[in-house]
Amino acid sequence: MTTHFVGVIDRFEDDIAVVLLEQDGDVVDEQGIDRDDLPAGGDHVDAVFQITRDDSGAIQELEYDAETTRTRKDRAQSRFDRLAERLPTDDES
């Protein structure tokens, strides 16, 4: 049996990417992946992957999802921009 996850690189610890595994929008696990084993383009923090693991937890498939990575980045920037617009200026405080 295999299990599918969305994986997001949270951080790097030396040459290991610490990937948070999500199901239905919730983080359910994390897994270390050697930086050399990451697909092209996906070797940065916040990179999103489609991951399939077997029952032992071994990764069977690891695919970089450039579109979802870009969408999440744009959404986060938009939230940041909206929050920044609401901050009072020195004249308003």
PDB file of N, CA and C in Angstrom:
ATOM      1  N   MET A   1       0.845  -1.186   0.000  1.00  0.00           N
ATOM      2  CA  MET A   1       0.000   0.000   0.000  1.00  0.00           C
ATOM      3  C   MET A   1       0.885   1.243   0.000  1.00  0.00           C
ATOM      4  N   THR A   2       0.449   2.265  -0.687  1.00  0.00           N
ATOM      5  CA  THR A   2       1.188   3.526  -0.726  1.00  0.00           C
ATOM      6  C   THR A   2       0.316   4.641  -0.166  1.00  0.00           C
ATOM      7  N   THR A   3       0.988   5.691   0.309  1.00  0.00           N
ATOM      8  CA  THR A   3       0.308   6.853   0.855  1.00  0.00           C
ATOM      9  C   THR A   3       0.832   8.091   0.138  1.00  0.00           C
ATOM     10  N   HIS A   4      -0.079   8.994  -0.211  1.00  0.00           N
ATOM     11  CA  HIS A   4       0.285  10.208  -0.931  1.00  0.00           C
ATOM     12  C   HIS A   4       0.275  11.406   0.009  1.00  0.00           C
ATOM     13  N   PHE A   5       1.246  12.276  -0.175  1.00  0.00           N
ATOM     14  CA  PHE A   5       1.395  13.473   0.648  1.00  0.00           C
ATOM     15  C   PHE A   5       1.746  14.660  -0.235  1.00  0.00           C
ATOM     16  N   VAL A   6       1.464  15.842   0.271  1.00  0.00           N
ATOM     17  CA  VAL A   6       2.072  17.061  -0.231  1.00  0.00           C
ATOM     18  C   VAL A   6       3.232  17.318   0.725  1.00  0.00           C
ATOM     19  N   GLY A   7       4.412  17.530   0.182  1.00  0.00           N
ATOM     20  CA  GLY A   7       5.589  17.796   1.008  1.00  0.00           C
ATOM     21  C   GLY A   7       6.085  19.204   0.769  1.00  0.00           C
ATOM     22  N   VAL A   8       6.519  19.882   1.842  1.00  0.00           N
ATOM     23  CA  VAL A   8       7.028  21.245   1.740  1.00  0.00           C
ATOM     24  C   VAL A   8       8.343  21.320   2.512  1.00  0.00           C
ATOM     25  N   ILE A   9       9.384  21.818   1.835  1.00  0.00           N
ATOM     26  CA  ILE A   9      10.660  21.960   2.542  1.00  0.00           C
ATOM     27  C   ILE A   9      10.523  23.051   3.585  1.00  0.00           C
ATOM     28  N   ASP A  10      10.756  22.663   4.831  1.00  0.00           N
ATOM     29  CA  ASP A  10      10.680  23.592   5.958  1.00  0.00           C
ATOM     30  C   ASP A  10      12.031  24.257   6.210  1.00  0.00           C
ATOM     31  N   ARG A  11      13.105  23.450   6.094  1.00  0.00           N
ATOM     32  CA  ARG A  11      14.441  23.958   6.391  1.00  0.00           C
ATOM     33  C   ARG A  11      15.479  22.948   5.904  1.00  0.00           C
ATOM     34  N   PHE A  12      16.726  23.387   5.940  1.00  0.00           N
ATOM     35  CA  PHE A  12      17.843  22.493   5.647  1.00  0.00           C
ATOM     36  C   PHE A  12      18.681  22.344   6.896  1.00  0.00           C
ATOM     37  N   GLU A  13      19.063  21.140   7.184  1.00  0.00           N
ATOM     38  CA  GLU A  13      20.006  20.841   8.265  1.00  0.00           C
ATOM     39  C   GLU A  13      21.194  20.177   7.594  1.00  0.00           C
ATOM     40  N   ASP A  14      22.259  20.963   7.409  1.00  0.00           N
ATOM     41  CA  ASP A  14      23.402  20.550   6.603  1.00  0.00           C
ATOM     42  C   ASP A  14      22.902  20.229   5.196  1.00  0.00           C
ATOM     43  N   ASP A  15      23.111  19.016   4.708  1.00  0.00           N
ATOM     44  CA  ASP A  15      22.688  18.655   3.356  1.00  0.00           C
ATOM     45  C   ASP A  15      21.372  17.876   3.344  1.00  0.00           C
ATOM     46  N   ILE A  16      20.611  17.955   4.427  1.00  0.00           N
ATOM     47  CA  ILE A  16      19.320  17.264   4.520  1.00  0.00           C
ATOM     48  C   ILE A  16      18.190  18.285   4.477  1.00  0.00           C
ATOM     49  N   ALA A  17      17.262  18.083   3.556  1.00  0.00           N
ATOM     50  CA  ALA A  17      16.058  18.914   3.501  1.00  0.00           C
ATOM     51  C   ALA A  17      15.039  18.303   4.455  1.00  0.00           C
ATOM     52  N   VAL A  18      14.541  19.090   5.391  1.00  0.00           N
ATOM     53  CA  VAL A  18      13.491  18.625   6.293  1.00  0.00           C
ATOM     54  C   VAL A  18      12.162  18.995   5.629  1.00  0.00           C
ATOM     55  N   VAL A  19      11.419  17.962   5.222  1.00  0.00           N
ATOM     56  CA  VAL A  19      10.189  18.132   4.463  1.00  0.00           C
ATOM     57  C   VAL A  19       8.998  17.820   5.366  1.00  0.00           C
ATOM     58  N   LEU A  20       8.088  18.785   5.494  1.00  0.00           N
ATOM     59  CA  LEU A  20       6.853  18.567   6.245  1.00  0.00           C
ATOM     60  C   LEU A  20       5.862  17.881   5.313  1.00  0.00           C
ATOM     61  N   LEU A  21       5.270  16.795   5.771  1.00  0.00           N
ATOM     62  CA  LEU A  21       4.317  16.034   4.970  1.00  0.00           C
ATOM     63  C   LEU A  21       2.906  16.412   5.388  1.00  0.00           C
ATOM     64  N   GLU A  22       2.097  16.801   4.407  1.00  0.00           N
ATOM     65  CA  GLU A  22       0.729  17.245   4.659  1.00  0.00           C
ATOM     66  C   GLU A  22      -0.271  16.296   4.010  1.00  0.00           C
ATOM     67  N   GLN A  23      -1.382  16.129   4.701  1.00  0.00           N
ATOM     68  CA  GLN A  23      -2.558  15.459   4.139  1.00  0.00           C
ATOM     69  C   GLN A  23      -3.759  16.301   4.520  1.00  0.00           C
ATOM     70  N   ASP A  24      -4.588  16.616   3.559  1.00  0.00           N
ATOM     71  CA  ASP A  24      -5.780  17.441   3.774  1.00  0.00           C
ATOM     72  C   ASP A  24      -5.451  18.758   4.472  1.00  0.00           C
ATOM     73  N   GLY A  25      -4.289  19.331   4.143  1.00  0.00           N
ATOM     74  CA  GLY A  25      -3.906  20.622   4.687  1.00  0.00           C
ATOM     75  C   GLY A  25      -3.281  20.600   6.060  1.00  0.00           C
ATOM     76  N   ASP A  26      -3.184  19.418   6.678  1.00  0.00           N
ATOM     77  CA  ASP A  26      -2.588  19.295   8.011  1.00  0.00           C
ATOM     78  C   ASP A  26      -1.226  18.613   7.914  1.00  0.00           C
ATOM     79  N   VAL A  27      -0.253  19.107   8.695  1.00  0.00           N
ATOM     80  CA  VAL A  27       1.050  18.463   8.762  1.00  0.00           C
ATOM     81  C   VAL A  27       0.901  17.193   9.591  1.00  0.00           C
ATOM     82  N   VAL A  28       1.279  16.046   8.988  1.00  0.00           N
ATOM     83  CA  VAL A  28       1.100  14.764   9.665  1.00  0.00           C
ATOM     84  C   VAL A  28       2.415  14.070   9.968  1.00  0.00           C
ATOM     85  N   ASP A  29       3.514  14.543   9.368  1.00  0.00           N
ATOM     86  CA  ASP A  29       4.806  13.898   9.580  1.00  0.00           C
ATOM     87  C   ASP A  29       5.877  14.788   8.977  1.00  0.00           C
ATOM     88  N   GLU A  30       7.125  14.423   9.195  1.00  0.00           N
ATOM     89  CA  GLU A  30       8.221  15.084   8.502  1.00  0.00           C
ATOM     90  C   GLU A  30       9.223  14.023   8.093  1.00  0.00           C
ATOM     91  N   GLN A  31       9.987  14.344   7.055  1.00  0.00           N
ATOM     92  CA  GLN A  31      10.956  13.382   6.550  1.00  0.00           C
ATOM     93  C   GLN A  31      12.176  14.134   6.055  1.00  0.00           C
ATOM     94  N   GLY A  32      13.338  13.586   6.352  1.00  0.00           N
ATOM     95  CA  GLY A  32      14.580  14.144   5.842  1.00  0.00           C
ATOM     96  C   GLY A  32      14.888  13.542   4.481  1.00  0.00           C
ATOM     97  N   ILE A  33      15.282  14.406   3.553  1.00  0.00           N
ATOM     98  CA  ILE A  33      15.647  13.968   2.210  1.00  0.00           C
ATOM     99  C   ILE A  33      16.986  14.599   1.869  1.00  0.00           C
ATOM    100  N   ASP A  34      17.931  13.783   1.416  1.00  0.00           N
ATOM    101  CA  ASP A  34      19.236  14.282   1.025  1.00  0.00           C
ATOM    102  C   ASP A  34      19.070  15.321  -0.079  1.00  0.00           C
ATOM    103  N   ARG A  35      19.758  16.436   0.067  1.00  0.00           N
ATOM    104  CA  ARG A  35      19.628  17.532  -0.903  1.00  0.00           C
ATOM    105  C   ARG A  35      19.916  17.058  -2.330  1.00  0.00           C
ATOM    106  N   ASP A  36      20.851  16.140  -2.481  1.00  0.00           N
ATOM    107  CA  ASP A  36      21.195  15.619  -3.811  1.00  0.00           C
ATOM    108  C   ASP A  36      20.064  14.804  -4.430  1.00  0.00           C
ATOM    109  N   ASP A  37      19.115  14.334  -3.627  1.00  0.00           N
ATOM    110  CA  ASP A  37      17.999  13.527  -4.131  1.00  0.00           C
ATOM    111  C   ASP A  37      16.769  14.362  -4.506  1.00  0.00           C
ATOM    112  N   LEU A  38      16.832  15.678  -4.283  1.00  0.00           N
ATOM    113  CA  LEU A  38      15.704  16.542  -4.615  1.00  0.00           C
ATOM    114  C   LEU A  38      15.630  16.731  -6.125  1.00  0.00           C
ATOM    115  N   PRO A  39      14.428  16.761  -6.677  1.00  0.00           N
ATOM    116  CA  PRO A  39      14.273  17.012  -8.108  1.00  0.00           C
ATOM    117  C   PRO A  39      14.776  18.402  -8.488  1.00  0.00           C
ATOM    118  N   ALA A  40      15.151  18.558  -9.742  1.00  0.00           N
ATOM    119  CA  ALA A  40      15.630  19.845 -10.245  1.00  0.00           C
ATOM    120  C   ALA A  40      14.612  20.947  -9.961  1.00  0.00           C
ATOM    121  N   GLY A  41      15.115  22.080  -9.483  1.00  0.00           N
ATOM    122  CA  GLY A  41      14.264  23.234  -9.197  1.00  0.00           C
ATOM    123  C   GLY A  41      13.668  23.227  -7.803  1.00  0.00           C
ATOM    124  N   GLY A  42      13.713  22.101  -7.117  1.00  0.00           N
ATOM    125  CA  GLY A  42      13.064  21.990  -5.816  1.00  0.00           C
ATOM    126  C   GLY A  42      14.024  21.998  -4.646  1.00  0.00           C
ATOM    127  N   ASP A  43      15.160  22.636  -4.790  1.00  0.00           N
ATOM    128  CA  ASP A  43      16.141  22.628  -3.709  1.00  0.00           C
ATOM    129  C   ASP A  43      16.166  23.945  -2.944  1.00  0.00           C
ATOM    130  N   HIS A  44      14.973  24.406  -2.540  1.00  0.00           N
ATOM    131  CA  HIS A  44      14.871  25.645  -1.775  1.00  0.00           C
ATOM    132  C   HIS A  44      13.746  25.521  -0.741  1.00  0.00           C
ATOM    133  N   VAL A  45      13.861  26.326   0.312  1.00  0.00           N
ATOM    134  CA  VAL A  45      12.828  26.361   1.355  1.00  0.00           C
ATOM    135  C   VAL A  45      11.496  26.741   0.714  1.00  0.00           C
ATOM    136  N   ASP A  46      10.435  26.103   1.162  1.00  0.00           N
ATOM    137  CA  ASP A  46       9.059  26.300   0.692  1.00  0.00           C
ATOM    138  C   ASP A  46       8.756  25.622  -0.641  1.00  0.00           C
ATOM    139  N   ALA A  47       9.707  24.867  -1.199  1.00  0.00           N
ATOM    140  CA  ALA A  47       9.423  24.089  -2.412  1.00  0.00           C
ATOM    141  C   ALA A  47       8.373  23.036  -2.059  1.00  0.00           C
ATOM    142  N   VAL A  48       7.418  22.817  -2.979  1.00  0.00           N
ATOM    143  CA  VAL A  48       6.312  21.884  -2.752  1.00  0.00           C
ATOM    144  C   VAL A  48       6.508  20.661  -3.647  1.00  0.00           C
ATOM    145  N   PHE A  49       6.233  19.490  -3.081  1.00  0.00           N
ATOM    146  CA  PHE A  49       6.393  18.226  -3.790  1.00  0.00           C
ATOM    147  C   PHE A  49       5.140  17.380  -3.658  1.00  0.00           C
ATOM    148  N   GLN A  50       4.955  16.514  -4.630  1.00  0.00           N
ATOM    149  CA  GLN A  50       3.981  15.438  -4.528  1.00  0.00           C
ATOM    150  C   GLN A  50       4.811  14.203  -4.158  1.00  0.00           C
ATOM    151  N   ILE A  51       4.465  13.570  -3.044  1.00  0.00           N
ATOM    152  CA  ILE A  51       5.267  12.467  -2.514  1.00  0.00           C
ATOM    153  C   ILE A  51       4.393  11.240  -2.307  1.00  0.00           C
ATOM    154  N   THR A  52       4.933  10.094  -2.696  1.00  0.00           N
ATOM    155  CA  THR A  52       4.294   8.809  -2.432  1.00  0.00           C
ATOM    156  C   THR A  52       5.267   7.978  -1.613  1.00  0.00           C
ATOM    157  N   ARG A  53       4.783   7.467  -0.470  1.00  0.00           N
ATOM    158  CA  ARG A  53       5.601   6.595   0.390  1.00  0.00           C
ATOM    159  C   ARG A  53       4.955   5.229   0.488  1.00  0.00           C
ATOM    160  N   ASP A  54       5.798   4.215   0.706  1.00  0.00           N
ATOM    161  CA  ASP A  54       5.261   2.876   0.932  1.00  0.00           C
ATOM    162  C   ASP A  54       5.019   2.674   2.427  1.00  0.00           C
ATOM    163  N   ASP A  55       4.571   1.482   2.807  1.00  0.00           N
ATOM    164  CA  ASP A  55       4.225   1.207   4.213  1.00  0.00           C
ATOM    165  C   ASP A  55       5.400   1.377   5.167  1.00  0.00           C
ATOM    166  N   SER A  56       6.613   1.184   4.662  1.00  0.00           N
ATOM    167  CA  SER A  56       7.786   1.323   5.527  1.00  0.00           C
ATOM    168  C   SER A  56       8.201   2.785   5.684  1.00  0.00           C
ATOM    169  N   GLY A  57       7.570   3.693   4.929  1.00  0.00           N
ATOM    170  CA  GLY A  57       7.912   5.109   4.994  1.00  0.00           C
ATOM    171  C   GLY A  57       8.922   5.528   3.935  1.00  0.00           C
ATOM    172  N   ALA A  58       9.366   4.569   3.113  1.00  0.00           N
ATOM    173  CA  ALA A  58      10.325   4.893   2.060  1.00  0.00           C
ATOM    174  C   ALA A  58       9.620   5.633   0.929  1.00  0.00           C
ATOM    175  N   ILE A  59      10.285   6.638   0.395  1.00  0.00           N
ATOM    176  CA  ILE A  59       9.718   7.412  -0.706  1.00  0.00           C
ATOM    177  C   ILE A  59       9.779   6.602  -1.992  1.00  0.00           C
ATOM    178  N   GLN A  60       8.633   6.467  -2.624  1.00  0.00           N
ATOM    179  CA  GLN A  60       8.533   5.772  -3.899  1.00  0.00           C
ATOM    180  C   GLN A  60       8.549   6.770  -5.060  1.00  0.00           C
ATOM    181  N   GLU A  61       7.906   7.915  -4.868  1.00  0.00           N
ATOM    182  CA  GLU A  61       7.865   8.959  -5.888  1.00  0.00           C
ATOM    183  C   GLU A  61       8.053  10.308  -5.209  1.00  0.00           C
ATOM    184  N   LEU A  62       8.793  11.174  -5.882  1.00  0.00           N
ATOM    185  CA  LEU A  62       9.056  12.523  -5.382  1.00  0.00           C
ATOM    186  C   LEU A  62       9.079  13.449  -6.587  1.00  0.00           C
ATOM    187  N   GLU A  63       8.050  14.291  -6.703  1.00  0.00           N
ATOM    188  CA  GLU A  63       7.926  15.168  -7.864  1.00  0.00           C
ATOM    189  C   GLU A  63       7.785  16.607  -7.398  1.00  0.00           C
ATOM    190  N   TYR A  64       8.655  17.479  -7.916  1.00  0.00           N
ATOM    191  CA  TYR A  64       8.582  18.905  -7.602  1.00  0.00           C
ATOM    192  C   TYR A  64       7.345  19.491  -8.260  1.00  0.00           C
ATOM    193  N   ASP A  65       6.562  20.254  -7.490  1.00  0.00           N
ATOM    194  CA  ASP A  65       5.326  20.865  -7.982  1.00  0.00           C
ATOM    195  C   ASP A  65       5.541  22.376  -8.072  1.00  0.00           C
ATOM    196  N   ALA A  66       6.098  22.809  -9.196  1.00  0.00           N
ATOM    197  CA  ALA A  66       6.444  24.223  -9.379  1.00  0.00           C
ATOM    198  C   ALA A  66       5.216  25.125  -9.316  1.00  0.00           C
ATOM    199  N   GLU A  67       4.106  24.684  -9.883  1.00  0.00           N
ATOM    200  CA  GLU A  67       2.896  25.515  -9.908  1.00  0.00           C
ATOM    201  C   GLU A  67       2.361  25.759  -8.490  1.00  0.00           C
ATOM    202  N   THR A  68       2.269  24.705  -7.686  1.00  0.00           N
ATOM    203  CA  THR A  68       1.780  24.868  -6.311  1.00  0.00           C
ATOM    204  C   THR A  68       2.759  25.693  -5.488  1.00  0.00           C
ATOM    205  N   THR A  69       4.056  25.504  -5.729  1.00  0.00           N
ATOM    206  CA  THR A  69       5.068  26.311  -5.036  1.00  0.00           C
ATOM    207  C   THR A  69       4.832  27.786  -5.327  1.00  0.00           C
ATOM    208  N   ARG A  70       4.641  28.128  -6.594  1.00  0.00           N
ATOM    209  CA  ARG A  70       4.421  29.516  -7.002  1.00  0.00           C
ATOM    210  C   ARG A  70       3.108  30.060  -6.414  1.00  0.00           C
ATOM    211  N   THR A  71       2.056  29.250  -6.435  1.00  0.00           N
ATOM    212  CA  THR A  71       0.757  29.677  -5.904  1.00  0.00           C
ATOM    213  C   THR A  71       0.850  29.970  -4.407  1.00  0.00           C
ATOM    214  N   ARG A  72       1.495  29.082  -3.663  1.00  0.00           N
ATOM    215  CA  ARG A  72       1.638  29.303  -2.208  1.00  0.00           C
ATOM    216  C   ARG A  72       2.461  30.549  -1.920  1.00  0.00           C
ATOM    217  N   LYS A  73       3.532  30.749  -2.685  1.00  0.00           N
ATOM    218  CA  LYS A  73       4.373  31.926  -2.484  1.00  0.00           C
ATOM    219  C   LYS A  73       3.578  33.202  -2.756  1.00  0.00           C
ATOM    220  N   ASP A  74       2.813  33.209  -3.849  1.00  0.00           N
ATOM    221  CA  ASP A  74       2.004  34.384  -4.194  1.00  0.00           C
ATOM    222  C   ASP A  74       0.953  34.665  -3.125  1.00  0.00           C
ATOM    223  N   ARG A  75       0.316  33.607  -2.617  1.00  0.00           N
ATOM    224  CA  ARG A  75      -0.704  33.776  -1.577  1.00  0.00           C
ATOM    225  C   ARG A  75      -0.097  34.360  -0.303  1.00  0.00           C
ATOM    226  N   ALA A  76       1.074  33.844   0.075  1.00  0.00           N
ATOM    227  CA  ALA A  76       1.736  34.345   1.286  1.00  0.00           C
ATOM    228  C   ALA A  76       2.140  35.803   1.113  1.00  0.00           C
ATOM    229  N   GLN A  77       2.646  36.166  -0.068  1.00  0.00           N
ATOM    230  CA  GLN A  77       3.033  37.556  -0.320  1.00  0.00           C
ATOM    231  C   GLN A  77       1.820  38.471  -0.279  1.00  0.00           C
ATOM    232  N   SER A  78       0.714  38.006  -0.816  1.00  0.00           N
ATOM    233  CA  SER A  78      -0.516  38.794  -0.804  1.00  0.00           C
ATOM    234  C   SER A  78      -0.987  39.046   0.624  1.00  0.00           C
ATOM    235  N   ARG A  79      -0.947  38.015   1.475  1.00  0.00           N
ATOM    236  CA  ARG A  79      -1.339  38.190   2.884  1.00  0.00           C
ATOM    237  C   ARG A  79      -0.420  39.187   3.565  1.00  0.00           C
ATOM    238  N   PHE A  80       0.883  39.063   3.313  1.00  0.00           N
ATOM    239  CA  PHE A  80       1.851  39.981   3.912  1.00  0.00           C
ATOM    240  C   PHE A  80       1.564  41.422   3.470  1.00  0.00           C
ATOM    241  N   ASP A  81       1.310  41.602   2.172  1.00  0.00           N
ATOM    242  CA  ASP A  81       1.029  42.942   1.652  1.00  0.00           C
ATOM    243  C   ASP A  81      -0.220  43.541   2.298  1.00  0.00           C
ATOM    244  N   ARG A  82      -1.281  42.729   2.468  1.00  0.00           N
ATOM    245  CA  ARG A  82      -2.507  43.233   3.101  1.00  0.00           C
ATOM    246  C   ARG A  82      -2.253  43.627   4.553  1.00  0.00           C
ATOM    247  N   LEU A  83      -1.473  42.828   5.261  1.00  0.00           N
ATOM    248  CA  LEU A  83      -1.153  43.167   6.653  1.00  0.00           C
ATOM    249  C   LEU A  83      -0.329  44.440   6.728  1.00  0.00           C
ATOM    250  N   ALA A  84       0.612  44.587   5.828  1.00  0.00           N
ATOM    251  CA  ALA A  84       1.472  45.770   5.828  1.00  0.00           C
ATOM    252  C   ALA A  84       0.656  47.035   5.571  1.00  0.00           C
ATOM    253  N   GLU A  85      -0.381  46.940   4.756  1.00  0.00           N
ATOM    254  CA  GLU A  85      -1.228  48.095   4.473  1.00  0.00           C
ATOM    255  C   GLU A  85      -1.997  48.540   5.705  1.00  0.00           C
ATOM    256  N   ARG A  86      -2.265  47.631   6.617  1.00  0.00           N
ATOM    257  CA  ARG A  86      -3.058  47.963   7.806  1.00  0.00           C
ATOM    258  C   ARG A  86      -2.226  48.520   8.950  1.00  0.00           C
ATOM    259  N   LEU A  87      -0.901  48.402   8.872  1.00  0.00           N
ATOM    260  CA  LEU A  87      -0.077  48.891   9.957  1.00  0.00           C
ATOM    261  C   LEU A  87      -0.172  50.408  10.020  1.00  0.00           C
ATOM    262  N   PRO A  88      -0.316  50.964  11.229  1.00  0.00           N
ATOM    263  CA  PRO A  88      -0.394  52.430  11.344  1.00  0.00           C
ATOM    264  C   PRO A  88       0.964  53.068  11.059  1.00  0.00           C
ATOM    265  N   THR A  89       0.931  54.226  10.460  1.00  0.00           N
ATOM    266  CA  THR A  89       2.167  54.981  10.262  1.00  0.00           C
ATOM    267  C   THR A  89       2.484  55.726  11.550  1.00  0.00           C
ATOM    268  N   ASP A  90       3.658  56.323  11.620  1.00  0.00           N
ATOM    269  CA  ASP A  90       4.026  57.102  12.820  1.00  0.00           C
ATOM    270  C   ASP A  90       3.064  58.246  13.054  1.00  0.00           C
ATOM    271  N   ASP A  91       2.502  58.805  11.993  1.00  0.00           N
ATOM    272  CA  ASP A  91       1.557  59.931  12.115  1.00  0.00           C
ATOM    273  C   ASP A  91       0.230  59.484  12.715  1.00  0.00           C
ATOM    274  N   GLU A  92      -0.130  58.221  12.510  1.00  0.00           N
ATOM    275  CA  GLU A  92      -1.424  57.717  12.957  1.00  0.00           C
ATOM    276  C   GLU A  92      -1.403  57.199  14.395  1.00  0.00           C
ATOM    277  N   SER A  93      -0.230  56.923  14.938  1.00  0.00           N
ATOM    278  CA  SER A  93      -0.191  56.324  16.291  1.00  0.00           C
ATOM    279  C   SER A  93      -0.213  57.333  17.380  1.00  0.00           C
TER     280      SER A  93
END
